[in-house]
Amino acid sequence: MSIRSAVLCIALALGAPTLSFAGAYLEIDVAPPAPREEVIPEGRVGYVWAPGYWEWRHHQHVWVHGHYIRARHGHHWVSATWTHEGERHRFVAGHWDRD
């Protein structure tokens, strides 16, 4: 069973709010809270800051703290984001993108 199928089966079994998942994004009908302010620790050479974000877990939004991740040559970090489309809220996971 694929991860996508497993997520959808679990969501249906648990009676989650309307949910869909494909690739690197998730859509739900529950808006995330406002982002939290974080104090960014002093930088580290060869690392980039991945800001914190709200993640949908177990029928609720859970804050994931920002952290440093090792930089990838020829790539830049695209932070996780939530967008609002009609009554749906779409989460796109943080990921590396080519420069």
Protein backbone atom coordinates (compact mmCIF):
# COMPACT_ATOMS: atom_id res chain seq x y z
CA MET A 1 0.00 0.00 0.00
CA SER A 2 1.37 3.44 -0.89
CA ILE A 3 1.87 6.16 1.72
CA ARG A 4 -0.87 8.20 0.05
CA SER A 5 -3.32 5.30 0.31
CA ALA A 6 -2.36 4.65 3.92
CA VAL A 7 -2.88 8.31 4.88
CA LEU A 8 -6.28 8.41 3.21
CA CYS A 9 -7.39 5.11 4.80
CA ILE A 10 -6.35 6.27 8.25
CA ALA A 11 -8.07 9.65 7.76
CA LEU A 12 -11.29 7.98 6.67
CA ALA A 13 -11.18 5.45 9.49
CA LEU A 14 -10.65 8.14 12.11
CA GLY A 15 -13.30 10.50 10.75
CA ALA A 16 -10.83 13.31 10.03
CA PRO A 17 -11.97 16.60 8.51
CA THR A 18 -12.01 16.55 4.73
CA LEU A 19 -8.48 15.62 3.79
CA SER A 20 -6.51 14.96 0.64
CA PHE A 21 -2.85 14.20 0.14
CA ALA A 22 -0.76 13.96 -3.01
CA GLY A 23 2.96 14.29 -3.36
CA ALA A 24 4.31 17.01 -1.09
CA TYR A 25 1.12 18.79 -0.10
CA LEU A 26 -1.91 18.29 2.11
CA GLU A 27 -5.36 19.92 1.93
CA ILE A 28 -7.73 20.20 4.89
CA ASP A 29 -10.73 22.33 5.85
CA VAL A 30 -9.28 23.51 9.19
CA ALA A 31 -7.25 26.75 9.14
CA PRO A 32 -3.86 26.73 10.85
CA PRO A 33 -3.20 29.19 13.70
CA ALA A 34 -1.02 32.23 13.05
CA PRO A 35 2.69 31.36 12.77
CA ARG A 36 4.64 31.60 16.01
CA GLU A 37 7.55 33.96 16.38
CA GLU A 38 10.82 32.16 16.91
CA VAL A 39 14.19 33.43 18.01
CA ILE A 40 16.67 32.20 15.44
CA PRO A 41 19.87 30.97 17.09
CA GLU A 42 23.22 32.20 15.82
CA GLY A 43 23.95 30.83 12.34
CA ARG A 44 26.19 27.91 11.56
CA VAL A 45 28.55 27.82 8.57
CA GLY A 46 27.27 25.38 5.96
CA TYR A 47 23.70 25.33 7.34
CA VAL A 48 20.48 27.17 6.51
CA TRP A 49 17.56 27.99 8.81
CA ALA A 50 14.32 26.09 8.17
CA PRO A 51 11.60 28.17 9.91
CA GLY A 52 8.98 26.60 12.16
CA TYR A 53 5.52 25.79 10.82
CA TRP A 54 2.15 24.29 11.77
CA GLU A 55 1.78 20.63 10.81
CA TRP A 56 -1.51 18.70 10.71
CA ARG A 57 -1.14 15.69 13.01
CA HIS A 58 -3.75 13.55 14.78
CA HIS A 59 -6.68 15.87 13.91
CA GLN A 60 -4.96 19.03 15.10
CA HIS A 61 -2.30 21.57 14.18
CA VAL A 62 1.01 20.95 15.95
CA TRP A 63 3.88 23.45 15.92
CA VAL A 64 7.17 22.15 14.49
CA HIS A 65 10.07 24.31 15.70
CA GLY A 66 12.50 25.81 13.23
CA HIS A 67 15.94 24.26 12.97
CA TYR A 68 19.16 24.39 11.00
CA ILE A 69 19.68 21.93 8.15
CA ARG A 70 22.84 21.22 6.21
CA ALA A 71 23.04 23.38 3.07
CA ARG A 72 22.96 21.68 -0.34
CA HIS A 73 25.22 23.06 -3.05
CA GLY A 74 23.21 24.40 -6.00
CA HIS A 75 19.94 24.41 -4.02
CA HIS A 76 17.99 26.76 -1.76
CA TRP A 77 15.51 25.91 1.00
CA VAL A 78 11.82 26.66 0.33
CA SER A 79 9.99 26.94 3.66
CA ALA A 80 6.82 25.04 4.48
CA THR A 81 3.72 27.14 3.76
CA TRP A 82 -0.06 27.17 4.19
CA THR A 83 -2.26 28.78 1.55
CA HIS A 84 -6.01 29.40 1.62
CA GLU A 85 -8.03 28.37 -1.43
CA GLY A 86 -11.79 28.78 -0.99
CA GLU A 87 -12.70 26.76 2.11
CA ARG A 88 -9.59 24.60 1.80
CA HIS A 89 -6.19 25.11 3.40
CA ARG A 90 -3.22 23.67 1.55
CA PHE A 91 0.05 22.79 3.24
CA VAL A 92 3.16 22.47 1.11
CA ALA A 93 6.08 20.85 2.93
CA GLY A 94 9.47 22.54 3.08
CA HIS A 95 11.82 21.29 0.39
CA TRP A 96 15.00 21.94 -1.55
CA ASP A 97 14.77 23.64 -4.93
CA ARG A 98 17.51 24.10 -7.50
CA ASP A 99 19.09 27.55 -7.79
